[in-house]
Amino acid sequence: NDILANGYFRGTPTIGIMVVTMGNDDGSTYVLIDSVVEGSGAGKAGLQAGDIVIAADGEPVAVIDDLLGVRRNHAVGDTTVLTIRRGEQVFDAHVVLGSDRD
């Protein structure tokens, strides 16, 4: 699709975060942002290490593979909406996807 639309492959879409899947005492899991790449879409959207990703484009995120679906459904330059929990606050972050070639 990227080649047809742009004449070349712009790379694999990236959010700009490093994440880990964490476990709760009840056996459920969640995705924790471990670090944010400076200058990335996530960084520009204000995401921070310690934030928890609870949804991507309205779909629940419980493990890293849930978040990787964003890469399969979007192209470089698209905007994805991540629902984030930071402490007691929950908010939507609009993240412009970068390229792994940048």
Protein backbone atom coordinates (compact mmCIF):
# COMPACT_ATOMS: atom_id res chain seq x y z
CA ASN A 1 0.00 0.00 0.00
CA ASP A 2 2.77 2.43 0.91
CA ILE A 3 4.60 1.83 -2.37
CA LEU A 4 1.43 2.38 -4.40
CA ALA A 5 0.49 5.52 -2.47
CA ASN A 6 3.95 7.10 -2.22
CA GLY A 7 6.15 5.40 -4.78
CA TYR A 8 8.43 3.96 -2.09
CA PHE A 9 8.32 2.15 1.27
CA ARG A 10 8.46 4.67 4.11
CA GLY A 11 9.23 2.02 6.75
CA THR A 12 7.33 0.29 9.52
CA PRO A 13 5.12 2.58 11.63
CA THR A 14 6.40 3.25 15.15
CA ILE A 15 4.74 4.82 18.17
CA GLY A 16 8.00 5.75 19.85
CA ILE A 17 7.68 3.86 23.12
CA MET A 18 9.31 0.88 24.79
CA VAL A 19 6.77 -1.16 26.73
CA VAL A 20 6.57 -4.15 29.04
CA THR A 21 3.65 -6.39 29.93
CA MET A 22 3.10 -6.39 33.69
CA GLY A 23 0.95 -8.66 35.83
CA ASN A 24 -1.56 -7.90 38.55
CA ASP A 25 -2.16 -10.05 41.64
CA ASP A 26 -5.44 -11.24 40.12
CA GLY A 27 -3.66 -12.67 37.05
CA SER A 28 -4.68 -9.88 34.67
CA THR A 29 -2.06 -7.99 32.69
CA TYR A 30 -1.42 -4.45 31.52
CA VAL A 31 1.06 -2.64 29.27
CA LEU A 32 3.41 -0.21 30.97
CA ILE A 33 5.45 2.39 29.09
CA ASP A 34 9.06 1.83 30.12
CA SER A 35 10.54 4.67 28.06
CA VAL A 36 9.59 7.21 25.40
CA VAL A 37 11.79 8.03 22.41
CA GLU A 38 12.61 11.73 22.43
CA GLY A 39 11.08 13.53 19.43
CA SER A 40 8.80 10.60 18.57
CA GLY A 41 5.06 10.81 18.07
CA ALA A 42 4.57 9.49 21.60
CA GLY A 43 6.96 12.08 23.00
CA LYS A 44 5.23 14.89 21.15
CA ALA A 45 1.86 13.62 22.44
CA GLY A 46 3.15 13.93 26.02
CA LEU A 47 3.43 10.24 26.93
CA GLN A 48 5.75 9.43 29.80
CA ALA A 49 7.54 6.44 31.30
CA GLY A 50 5.19 4.93 33.88
CA ASP A 51 2.04 5.57 31.85
CA ILE A 52 -0.22 2.56 31.27
CA VAL A 53 -1.71 1.95 27.81
CA ILE A 54 -5.28 0.75 28.31
CA ALA A 55 -6.56 1.00 24.72
CA ALA A 56 -5.40 1.66 21.17
CA ASP A 57 -7.94 3.06 18.71
CA GLY A 58 -10.67 2.04 21.15
CA GLU A 59 -9.53 -1.59 21.42
CA PRO A 60 -8.42 -2.84 24.86
CA VAL A 61 -4.68 -3.36 25.40
CA ALA A 62 -3.64 -5.99 27.96
CA VAL A 63 -0.44 -7.38 26.39
CA ILE A 64 2.19 -6.05 24.00
CA ASP A 65 0.70 -7.96 21.05
CA ASP A 66 -2.51 -5.94 21.46
CA LEU A 67 -0.50 -2.76 20.95
CA LEU A 68 1.39 -4.18 17.97
CA GLY A 69 -1.93 -4.33 16.11
CA VAL A 70 -1.60 -0.57 15.68
CA ARG A 71 1.39 -1.15 13.42
CA ARG A 72 -0.54 -3.61 11.29
CA ASN A 73 -3.51 -1.28 10.83
CA HIS A 74 -1.73 2.02 10.15
CA ALA A 75 0.93 3.57 7.94
CA VAL A 76 3.73 6.01 8.72
CA GLY A 77 2.19 9.45 9.25
CA ASP A 78 -1.19 8.16 10.42
CA THR A 79 -2.55 9.21 13.80
CA THR A 80 -3.56 6.61 16.36
CA VAL A 81 -5.41 7.27 19.60
CA LEU A 82 -3.96 5.67 22.73
CA THR A 83 -6.01 5.70 25.91
CA ILE A 84 -3.58 6.23 28.77
CA ARG A 85 -3.81 5.89 32.55
CA ARG A 86 -1.43 8.11 34.49
CA GLY A 87 -2.08 7.71 38.19
CA GLU A 88 -5.80 8.30 38.64
CA GLN A 89 -6.12 10.27 35.38
CA VAL A 90 -7.29 8.63 32.13
CA PHE A 91 -6.92 10.50 28.83
CA ASP A 92 -6.60 10.00 25.08
CA ALA A 93 -3.29 10.78 23.40
CA HIS A 94 -3.25 11.39 19.64
CA VAL A 95 0.04 9.94 18.39
CA VAL A 96 1.39 10.52 14.89
CA LEU A 97 3.20 7.36 13.84
CA GLY A 98 6.83 7.72 12.83
CA SER A 99 9.02 5.41 10.77
CA ASP A 100 11.54 2.85 11.94
CA ARG A 101 13.79 4.35 9.24
CA ASP A 102 14.03 7.71 11.05
